[in-house]
Amino acid sequence: MAIIQCPHCEKDIELEAGSSGLFDCPYCEEQFSWGNTPHSSTTRWFDLWLGFLIPSSTIFPGIPILLFIFEPQGLEVLIYLIVGIISNILTTLVLGLIGLRMQRYQLALGALFSPIASALTFYLYAETI
């Protein structure tokens, strides 16, 4: 058994040796985390880029393939773009929620920036047509 102090009320709490995660203090009933190692700066940058690139990868490779190889016309283009945008937004939401749930905030931040970059890319692409 390990004896630690609650970060909220500073009373001694007994935990099993080697345990980690979220715990409730039996005295003040506040939640606290124990045993989680902080992420290094390399991991934080990796999370940021991972959060940025995964939603983008759902849309960016498909657009050039769609437009230059298959050459859709009219309503097909609109449908493909809407499906790409919806998949980008859904991937962003899922990845952002996973990042928040796991307390990997850079992952959630990267996922937040991904649809912004996608919208800018669509705008710049539309201007060239």
Protein backbone atom coordinates (compact mmCIF):
# COMPACT_ATOMS: atom_id res chain seq x y z
CA MET A 1 0.00 0.00 0.00
CA ALA A 2 1.10 3.54 -0.77
CA ILE A 3 0.08 6.51 1.35
CA ILE A 4 -0.38 9.76 -0.55
CA GLN A 5 -1.93 13.12 0.24
CA CYS A 6 -5.09 14.32 -1.47
CA PRO A 7 -4.18 17.37 -3.58
CA HIS A 8 -7.44 19.05 -2.52
CA CYS A 9 -7.83 18.47 1.23
CA GLU A 10 -4.25 17.20 1.93
CA LYS A 11 -5.43 14.25 4.04
CA ASP A 12 -3.60 10.92 3.83
CA ILE A 13 -5.10 8.32 1.49
CA GLU A 14 -4.05 4.70 1.07
CA LEU A 15 -3.74 3.39 -2.49
CA GLU A 16 -2.56 0.04 -3.76
CA ALA A 17 1.08 0.02 -4.78
CA GLY A 18 1.55 0.62 -8.50
CA SER A 19 -1.98 1.88 -9.07
CA SER A 20 -2.62 4.83 -11.37
CA GLY A 21 -5.55 6.69 -12.85
CA LEU A 22 -8.41 8.79 -11.50
CA PHE A 23 -9.44 8.36 -7.87
CA ASP A 24 -12.06 9.87 -5.55
CA CYS A 25 -10.86 11.17 -2.20
CA PRO A 26 -12.84 9.45 0.59
CA TYR A 27 -12.72 12.64 2.68
CA CYS A 28 -13.55 15.51 0.31
CA GLU A 29 -14.94 13.36 -2.56
CA GLU A 30 -12.93 15.33 -5.13
CA GLN A 31 -11.31 13.53 -8.08
CA PHE A 32 -7.56 13.47 -8.54
CA SER A 33 -5.16 11.61 -10.80
CA TRP A 34 -2.27 9.57 -9.52
CA GLY A 35 0.57 7.73 -11.21
CA ASN A 36 0.10 9.27 -14.65
CA THR A 37 3.39 10.40 -16.10
CA PRO A 38 3.36 13.78 -17.83
CA HIS A 39 3.87 13.75 -21.59
CA SER A 40 7.23 14.90 -22.91
CA SER A 41 7.43 17.85 -25.27
CA THR A 42 8.11 15.47 -28.18
CA THR A 43 4.92 13.58 -27.38
CA ARG A 44 2.96 16.84 -27.20
CA TRP A 45 4.21 17.95 -30.64
CA PHE A 46 3.51 14.50 -32.03
CA ASP A 47 -0.04 14.66 -30.62
CA LEU A 48 -0.55 18.10 -32.16
CA TRP A 49 0.52 16.94 -35.63
CA LEU A 50 -1.35 13.66 -35.29
CA GLY A 51 -4.53 15.53 -34.39
CA PHE A 52 -3.99 17.86 -37.34
CA LEU A 53 -3.12 15.27 -39.97
CA ILE A 54 -5.56 12.42 -39.27
CA PRO A 55 -8.75 14.39 -40.07
CA SER A 56 -6.99 16.04 -43.01
CA SER A 57 -5.98 12.65 -44.38
CA THR A 58 -9.66 11.75 -44.71
CA ILE A 59 -10.17 14.46 -47.29
CA PHE A 60 -6.93 15.69 -48.93
CA PRO A 61 -5.87 12.52 -50.80
CA GLY A 62 -9.35 11.91 -52.16
CA ILE A 63 -9.94 15.31 -53.75
CA PRO A 64 -7.12 15.20 -56.36
CA ILE A 65 -7.88 11.57 -57.16
CA LEU A 66 -11.54 12.36 -57.56
CA LEU A 67 -11.15 15.51 -59.63
CA PHE A 68 -8.25 14.59 -61.90
CA ILE A 69 -8.68 10.87 -62.47
CA PHE A 70 -12.44 10.32 -62.44
CA GLU A 71 -13.47 13.82 -63.58
CA PRO A 72 -16.98 13.91 -62.07
CA GLN A 73 -19.51 16.39 -63.40
CA GLY A 74 -22.22 18.50 -61.79
CA LEU A 75 -23.96 17.06 -58.79
CA GLU A 76 -21.39 14.27 -58.33
CA VAL A 77 -18.72 16.82 -57.40
CA LEU A 78 -20.98 18.39 -54.80
CA ILE A 79 -21.89 15.02 -53.28
CA TYR A 80 -18.22 13.94 -53.07
CA LEU A 81 -17.24 17.23 -51.46
CA ILE A 82 -20.06 17.02 -48.91
CA VAL A 83 -19.11 13.43 -48.01
CA GLY A 84 -15.47 14.53 -47.63
CA ILE A 85 -16.38 17.48 -45.42
CA ILE A 86 -18.68 15.36 -43.23
CA SER A 87 -16.01 12.66 -42.82
CA ASN A 88 -13.48 15.36 -41.91
CA ILE A 89 -15.77 16.87 -39.28
CA LEU A 90 -16.72 13.49 -37.79
CA THR A 91 -13.08 12.42 -37.59
CA THR A 92 -12.24 15.74 -35.96
CA LEU A 93 -14.98 15.35 -33.36
CA VAL A 94 -14.02 11.78 -32.50
CA LEU A 95 -10.31 12.57 -32.29
CA GLY A 96 -10.96 15.73 -30.27
CA LEU A 97 -13.13 13.86 -27.78
CA ILE A 98 -10.53 11.10 -27.46
CA GLY A 99 -7.85 13.72 -26.83
CA LEU A 100 -9.94 15.44 -24.17
CA ARG A 101 -10.94 12.16 -22.53
CA MET A 102 -7.33 10.96 -22.35
CA GLN A 103 -6.15 14.43 -21.23
CA ARG A 104 -4.00 14.75 -24.33
CA TYR A 105 -5.01 18.32 -25.05
CA GLN A 106 -2.55 18.84 -27.92
CA LEU A 107 -4.28 16.02 -29.79
CA ALA A 108 -7.62 17.78 -29.35
CA LEU A 109 -6.07 21.12 -30.36
CA GLY A 110 -4.58 19.62 -33.52
CA ALA A 111 -7.95 18.11 -34.38
CA LEU A 112 -9.55 21.53 -33.90
CA PHE A 113 -7.16 23.15 -36.39
CA SER A 114 -7.66 20.47 -39.03
CA PRO A 115 -11.10 21.60 -40.30
CA ILE A 116 -9.86 25.19 -40.35
CA ALA A 117 -6.97 24.16 -42.60
CA SER A 118 -9.35 22.08 -44.73
CA ALA A 119 -11.71 25.03 -45.17
CA LEU A 120 -8.80 27.27 -46.17
CA THR A 121 -7.60 24.67 -48.65
CA PHE A 122 -11.08 24.38 -50.18
CA TYR A 123 -11.32 28.16 -50.44
CA LEU A 124 -7.93 28.46 -52.13
CA TYR A 125 -8.79 25.60 -54.46
CA ALA A 126 -12.13 27.19 -55.36
CA GLU A 127 -10.38 30.46 -56.17
CA THR A 128 -8.14 28.73 -58.71
CA ILE A 129 -11.02 27.15 -60.63
